[in-house]
């Protein structure tokens, strides 16, 4: 947790037996995000002939 605080990473946890409350986030927020990510990823891979994975993006955005 100290590492997370030092790097401005917020740790979230769900209250016990309450995950159904957050199910709307999956439908409203994360579903469109996943769709747009997939469209952009497909477009990039088609134009560059290069496969994109999350770790490959993370390497380019992470510091040393």
PDB file of N, CA and C in Angstrom:
ATOM      1  N   UNK A   1       0.806  -1.190   0.000  1.00  0.00           N
ATOM      2  CA  UNK A   1       0.000   0.000   0.000  1.00  0.00           C
ATOM      3  C   UNK A   1       0.854   1.261   0.000  1.00  0.00           C
ATOM      4  N   UNK A   2       2.025   1.185   0.608  1.00  0.00           N
ATOM      5  CA  UNK A   2       2.912   2.349   0.598  1.00  0.00           C
ATOM      6  C   UNK A   2       3.331   2.697  -0.830  1.00  0.00           C
ATOM      7  N   UNK A   3       3.657   1.667  -1.620  1.00  0.00           N
ATOM      8  CA  UNK A   3       4.044   1.883  -3.024  1.00  0.00           C
ATOM      9  C   UNK A   3       2.900   2.562  -3.780  1.00  0.00           C
ATOM     10  N   UNK A   4       1.684   2.093  -3.560  1.00  0.00           N
ATOM     11  CA  UNK A   4       0.523   2.671  -4.234  1.00  0.00           C
ATOM     12  C   UNK A   4       0.354   4.142  -3.858  1.00  0.00           C
ATOM     13  N   UNK A   5       0.460   4.455  -2.604  1.00  0.00           N
ATOM     14  CA  UNK A   5       0.331   5.851  -2.160  1.00  0.00           C
ATOM     15  C   UNK A   5       1.418   6.732  -2.753  1.00  0.00           C
ATOM     16  N   UNK A   6       2.645   6.242  -2.771  1.00  0.00           N
ATOM     17  CA  UNK A   6       3.765   7.017  -3.300  1.00  0.00           C
ATOM     18  C   UNK A   6       3.626   7.294  -4.796  1.00  0.00           C
ATOM     19  N   UNK A   7       2.933   6.401  -5.517  1.00  0.00           N
ATOM     20  CA  UNK A   7       2.789   6.535  -6.965  1.00  0.00           C
ATOM     21  C   UNK A   7       1.379   6.971  -7.380  1.00  0.00           C
ATOM     22  N   UNK A   8       0.659   7.536  -6.432  1.00  0.00           N
ATOM     23  CA  UNK A   8      -0.684   8.067  -6.690  1.00  0.00           C
ATOM     24  C   UNK A   8      -1.626   7.022  -7.285  1.00  0.00           C
ATOM     25  N   UNK A   9      -1.532   5.795  -6.768  1.00  0.00           N
ATOM     26  CA  UNK A   9      -2.410   4.706  -7.183  1.00  0.00           C
ATOM     27  C   UNK A   9      -3.474   4.537  -6.108  1.00  0.00           C
ATOM     28  N   UNK A  10      -4.711   4.618  -6.514  1.00  0.00           N
ATOM     29  CA  UNK A  10      -5.824   4.506  -5.571  1.00  0.00           C
ATOM     30  C   UNK A  10      -6.338   3.076  -5.554  1.00  0.00           C
ATOM     31  N   UNK A  11      -6.355   2.467  -4.401  1.00  0.00           N
ATOM     32  CA  UNK A  11      -6.822   1.101  -4.241  1.00  0.00           C
ATOM     33  C   UNK A  11      -8.298   1.153  -3.854  1.00  0.00           C
ATOM     34  N   UNK A  12      -9.102   0.476  -4.637  1.00  0.00           N
ATOM     35  CA  UNK A  12     -10.534   0.422  -4.357  1.00  0.00           C
ATOM     36  C   UNK A  12     -10.918  -0.997  -3.970  1.00  0.00           C
ATOM     37  N   UNK A  13     -11.864  -1.104  -3.098  1.00  0.00           N
ATOM     38  CA  UNK A  13     -12.405  -2.421  -2.780  1.00  0.00           C
ATOM     39  C   UNK A  13     -13.915  -2.295  -2.657  1.00  0.00           C
ATOM     40  N   UNK A  14     -14.568  -3.378  -2.933  1.00  0.00           N
ATOM     41  CA  UNK A  14     -16.023  -3.396  -2.863  1.00  0.00           C
ATOM     42  C   UNK A  14     -16.464  -3.856  -1.486  1.00  0.00           C
ATOM     43  N   UNK A  15     -17.504  -3.231  -0.959  1.00  0.00           N
ATOM     44  CA  UNK A  15     -18.052  -3.728   0.302  1.00  0.00           C
ATOM     45  C   UNK A  15     -18.573  -5.154   0.118  1.00  0.00           C
ATOM     46  N   UNK A  16     -18.533  -5.912   1.150  1.00  0.00           N
ATOM     47  CA  UNK A  16     -19.002  -7.291   1.099  1.00  0.00           C
ATOM     48  C   UNK A  16     -20.445  -7.360   0.610  1.00  0.00           C
ATOM     49  N   UNK A  17     -20.705  -8.280  -0.296  1.00  0.00           N
ATOM     50  CA  UNK A  17     -22.046  -8.545  -0.841  1.00  0.00           C
ATOM     51  C   UNK A  17     -22.670  -7.321  -1.513  1.00  0.00           C
ATOM     52  N   UNK A  18     -21.862  -6.485  -2.155  1.00  0.00           N
ATOM     53  CA  UNK A  18     -22.405  -5.280  -2.788  1.00  0.00           C
ATOM     54  C   UNK A  18     -21.975  -5.123  -4.242  1.00  0.00           C
ATOM     55  N   UNK A  19     -21.358  -6.133  -4.827  1.00  0.00           N
ATOM     56  CA  UNK A  19     -20.869  -5.983  -6.195  1.00  0.00           C
ATOM     57  C   UNK A  19     -22.006  -5.756  -7.189  1.00  0.00           C
ATOM     58  N   UNK A  20     -23.197  -6.205  -6.879  1.00  0.00           N
ATOM     59  CA  UNK A  20     -24.330  -5.989  -7.788  1.00  0.00           C
ATOM     60  C   UNK A  20     -24.627  -4.496  -7.963  1.00  0.00           C
ATOM     61  N   UNK A  21     -24.278  -3.700  -6.975  1.00  0.00           N
ATOM     62  CA  UNK A  21     -24.505  -2.257  -7.049  1.00  0.00           C
ATOM     63  C   UNK A  21     -23.650  -1.643  -8.154  1.00  0.00           C
ATOM     64  N   UNK A  22     -22.463  -2.192  -8.355  1.00  0.00           N
ATOM     65  CA  UNK A  22     -21.528  -1.648  -9.334  1.00  0.00           C
ATOM     66  C   UNK A  22     -21.666  -2.261 -10.718  1.00  0.00           C
ATOM     67  N   UNK A  23     -22.589  -3.164 -10.893  1.00  0.00           N
ATOM     68  CA  UNK A  23     -22.759  -3.825 -12.179  1.00  0.00           C
ATOM     69  C   UNK A  23     -23.096  -2.823 -13.284  1.00  0.00           C
ATOM     70  N   UNK A  24     -23.775  -1.749 -12.946  1.00  0.00           N
ATOM     71  CA  UNK A  24     -24.095  -0.716 -13.917  1.00  0.00           C
ATOM     72  C   UNK A  24     -22.856  -0.086 -14.529  1.00  0.00           C
ATOM     73  N   UNK A  25     -21.776   0.017 -13.764  1.00  0.00           N
ATOM     74  CA  UNK A  25     -20.520   0.548 -14.298  1.00  0.00           C
ATOM     75  C   UNK A  25     -20.009  -0.308 -15.444  1.00  0.00           C
ATOM     76  N   UNK A  26     -20.174  -1.612 -15.316  1.00  0.00           N
ATOM     77  CA  UNK A  26     -19.712  -2.523 -16.359  1.00  0.00           C
ATOM     78  C   UNK A  26     -20.478  -2.280 -17.649  1.00  0.00           C
ATOM     79  N   UNK A  27     -21.769  -2.050 -17.543  1.00  0.00           N
ATOM     80  CA  UNK A  27     -22.613  -1.855 -18.724  1.00  0.00           C
ATOM     81  C   UNK A  27     -22.452  -0.445 -19.280  1.00  0.00           C
ATOM     82  N   UNK A  28     -22.477   0.561 -18.437  1.00  0.00           N
ATOM     83  CA  UNK A  28     -22.507   1.950 -18.878  1.00  0.00           C
ATOM     84  C   UNK A  28     -21.114   2.495 -19.212  1.00  0.00           C
ATOM     85  N   UNK A  29     -20.119   2.172 -18.420  1.00  0.00           N
ATOM     86  CA  UNK A  29     -18.797   2.764 -18.592  1.00  0.00           C
ATOM     87  C   UNK A  29     -17.821   1.851 -19.317  1.00  0.00           C
ATOM     88  N   UNK A  30     -17.653   0.647 -18.807  1.00  0.00           N
ATOM     89  CA  UNK A  30     -16.584  -0.200 -19.320  1.00  0.00           C
ATOM     90  C   UNK A  30     -16.927  -0.878 -20.640  1.00  0.00           C
ATOM     91  N   UNK A  31     -18.185  -1.122 -20.910  1.00  0.00           N
ATOM     92  CA  UNK A  31     -18.560  -1.730 -22.188  1.00  0.00           C
ATOM     93  C   UNK A  31     -18.227  -0.814 -23.369  1.00  0.00           C
ATOM     94  N   UNK A  32     -18.632   0.472 -23.340  1.00  0.00           N
ATOM     95  CA  UNK A  32     -18.230   1.366 -24.436  1.00  0.00           C
ATOM     96  C   UNK A  32     -16.715   1.556 -24.511  1.00  0.00           C
ATOM     97  N   UNK A  33     -16.053   1.627 -23.375  1.00  0.00           N
ATOM     98  CA  UNK A  33     -14.605   1.770 -23.354  1.00  0.00           C
ATOM     99  C   UNK A  33     -13.948   0.581 -24.059  1.00  0.00           C
ATOM    100  N   UNK A  34     -14.413  -0.619 -23.750  1.00  0.00           N
ATOM    101  CA  UNK A  34     -13.867  -1.824 -24.381  1.00  0.00           C
ATOM    102  C   UNK A  34     -14.120  -1.801 -25.884  1.00  0.00           C
ATOM    103  N   UNK A  35     -15.317  -1.372 -26.292  1.00  0.00           N
ATOM    104  CA  UNK A  35     -15.653  -1.320 -27.714  1.00  0.00           C
ATOM    105  C   UNK A  35     -14.746  -0.336 -28.449  1.00  0.00           C
ATOM    106  N   UNK A  36     -14.577   0.881 -27.896  1.00  0.00           N
ATOM    107  CA  UNK A  36     -13.728   1.887 -28.536  1.00  0.00           C
ATOM    108  C   UNK A  36     -12.266   1.445 -28.555  1.00  0.00           C
ATOM    109  N   UNK A  37     -11.806   0.820 -27.477  1.00  0.00           N
ATOM    110  CA  UNK A  37     -10.433   0.320 -27.437  1.00  0.00           C
ATOM    111  C   UNK A  37     -10.230  -0.709 -28.553  1.00  0.00           C
ATOM    112  N   UNK A  38     -11.170  -1.636 -28.694  1.00  0.00           N
ATOM    113  CA  UNK A  38     -11.054  -2.671 -29.715  1.00  0.00           C
ATOM    114  C   UNK A  38     -11.047  -2.076 -31.113  1.00  0.00           C
ATOM    115  N   UNK A  39     -11.891  -1.083 -31.366  1.00  0.00           N
ATOM    116  CA  UNK A  39     -11.922  -0.435 -32.680  1.00  0.00           C
ATOM    117  C   UNK A  39     -10.594   0.248 -32.983  1.00  0.00           C
ATOM    118  N   UNK A  40     -10.043   0.980 -32.013  1.00  0.00           N
ATOM    119  CA  UNK A  40      -8.767   1.664 -32.212  1.00  0.00           C
ATOM    120  C   UNK A  40      -7.634   0.660 -32.385  1.00  0.00           C
ATOM    121  N   UNK A  41      -7.673  -0.390 -31.599  1.00  0.00           N
ATOM    122  CA  UNK A  41      -6.644  -1.416 -31.691  1.00  0.00           C
ATOM    123  C   UNK A  41      -6.680  -2.082 -33.072  1.00  0.00           C
ATOM    124  N   UNK A  42      -7.855  -2.427 -33.548  1.00  0.00           N
ATOM    125  CA  UNK A  42      -7.991  -3.039 -34.871  1.00  0.00           C
ATOM    126  C   UNK A  42      -7.496  -2.103 -35.965  1.00  0.00           C
ATOM    127  N   UNK A  43      -7.842  -0.835 -35.857  1.00  0.00           N
ATOM    128  CA  UNK A  43      -7.423   0.146 -36.857  1.00  0.00           C
ATOM    129  C   UNK A  43      -5.898   0.285 -36.866  1.00  0.00           C
ATOM    130  N   UNK A  44      -5.289   0.352 -35.704  1.00  0.00           N
ATOM    131  CA  UNK A  44      -3.839   0.482 -35.616  1.00  0.00           C
ATOM    132  C   UNK A  44      -3.149  -0.761 -36.175  1.00  0.00           C
ATOM    133  N   UNK A  45      -3.624  -1.933 -35.762  1.00  0.00           N
ATOM    134  CA  UNK A  45      -3.006  -3.172 -36.221  1.00  0.00           C
ATOM    135  C   UNK A  45      -3.117  -3.324 -37.730  1.00  0.00           C
ATOM    136  N   UNK A  46      -4.233  -2.884 -38.307  1.00  0.00           N
ATOM    137  CA  UNK A  46      -4.417  -2.967 -39.743  1.00  0.00           C
ATOM    138  C   UNK A  46      -3.474  -2.010 -40.467  1.00  0.00           C
ATOM    139  N   UNK A  47      -3.318  -0.805 -39.943  1.00  0.00           N
ATOM    140  CA  UNK A  47      -2.487   0.192 -40.618  1.00  0.00           C
ATOM    141  C   UNK A  47      -0.993  -0.067 -40.440  1.00  0.00           C
ATOM    142  N   UNK A  48      -0.587  -0.617 -39.312  1.00  0.00           N
ATOM    143  CA  UNK A  48       0.845  -0.810 -39.013  1.00  0.00           C
ATOM    144  C   UNK A  48       1.304  -2.256 -39.190  1.00  0.00           C
ATOM    145  N   UNK A  49       0.378  -3.170 -39.364  1.00  0.00           N
ATOM    146  CA  UNK A  49       0.699  -4.604 -39.441  1.00  0.00           C
ATOM    147  C   UNK A  49       1.499  -5.033 -38.221  1.00  0.00           C
ATOM    148  N   UNK A  50       1.075  -4.526 -37.078  1.00  0.00           N
ATOM    149  CA  UNK A  50       1.768  -4.820 -35.827  1.00  0.00           C
ATOM    150  C   UNK A  50       0.731  -5.089 -34.748  1.00  0.00           C
ATOM    151  N   UNK A  51       0.856  -6.199 -34.052  1.00  0.00           N
ATOM    152  CA  UNK A  51      -0.083  -6.566 -33.004  1.00  0.00           C
ATOM    153  C   UNK A  51       0.132  -5.683 -31.781  1.00  0.00           C
ATOM    154  N   UNK A  52      -0.969  -5.244 -31.197  1.00  0.00           N
ATOM    155  CA  UNK A  52      -0.922  -4.402 -30.003  1.00  0.00           C
ATOM    156  C   UNK A  52      -1.424  -5.208 -28.815  1.00  0.00           C
ATOM    157  N   UNK A  53      -0.651  -5.186 -27.742  1.00  0.00           N
ATOM    158  CA  UNK A  53      -1.075  -5.812 -26.502  1.00  0.00           C
ATOM    159  C   UNK A  53      -0.929  -4.781 -25.386  1.00  0.00           C
ATOM    160  N   UNK A  54      -1.629  -4.974 -24.311  1.00  0.00           N
ATOM    161  CA  UNK A  54      -1.540  -4.021 -23.212  1.00  0.00           C
ATOM    162  C   UNK A  54      -0.114  -3.902 -22.682  1.00  0.00           C
ATOM    163  N   UNK A  55       0.610  -5.020 -22.482  1.00  0.00           N
ATOM    164  CA  UNK A  55       1.998  -4.871 -22.002  1.00  0.00           C
ATOM    165  C   UNK A  55       2.876  -4.065 -22.961  1.00  0.00           C
ATOM    166  N   UNK A  56       2.647  -4.178 -24.268  1.00  0.00           N
ATOM    167  CA  UNK A  56       3.467  -3.406 -25.207  1.00  0.00           C
ATOM    168  C   UNK A  56       3.184  -1.915 -25.074  1.00  0.00           C
ATOM    169  N   UNK A  57       1.954  -1.545 -24.795  1.00  0.00           N
ATOM    170  CA  UNK A  57       1.610  -0.142 -24.582  1.00  0.00           C
ATOM    171  C   UNK A  57       2.176   0.332 -23.246  1.00  0.00           C
ATOM    172  N   UNK A  58       2.080  -0.508 -22.254  1.00  0.00           N
ATOM    173  CA  UNK A  58       2.561  -0.142 -20.924  1.00  0.00           C
ATOM    174  C   UNK A  58       4.067   0.119 -20.944  1.00  0.00           C
ATOM    175  N   UNK A  59       4.823  -0.642 -21.739  1.00  0.00           N
ATOM    176  CA  UNK A  59       6.263  -0.429 -21.833  1.00  0.00           C
ATOM    177  C   UNK A  59       6.573   0.964 -22.364  1.00  0.00           C
ATOM    178  N   UNK A  60       5.742   1.452 -23.299  1.00  0.00           N
ATOM    179  CA  UNK A  60       5.991   2.754 -23.913  1.00  0.00           C
ATOM    180  C   UNK A  60       5.536   3.915 -23.020  1.00  0.00           C
ATOM    181  N   UNK A  61       4.640   3.659 -22.089  1.00  0.00           N
ATOM    182  CA  UNK A  61       4.120   4.738 -21.256  1.00  0.00           C
ATOM    183  C   UNK A  61       4.738   4.762 -19.869  1.00  0.00           C
ATOM    184  N   UNK A  62       5.356   3.669 -19.464  1.00  0.00           N
ATOM    185  CA  UNK A  62       5.956   3.608 -18.125  1.00  0.00           C
ATOM    186  C   UNK A  62       7.324   4.254 -18.121  1.00  0.00           C
ATOM    187  N   UNK A  63       7.678   4.786 -17.003  1.00  0.00           N
ATOM    188  CA  UNK A  63       9.002   5.364 -16.848  1.00  0.00           C
ATOM    189  C   UNK A  63      10.048   4.277 -16.691  1.00  0.00           C
ATOM    190  N   UNK A  64      11.289   4.664 -16.544  1.00  0.00           N
ATOM    191  CA  UNK A  64      12.384   3.680 -16.416  1.00  0.00           C
ATOM    192  C   UNK A  64      12.305   2.844 -15.167  1.00  0.00           C
TER     193      UNK A  64
END
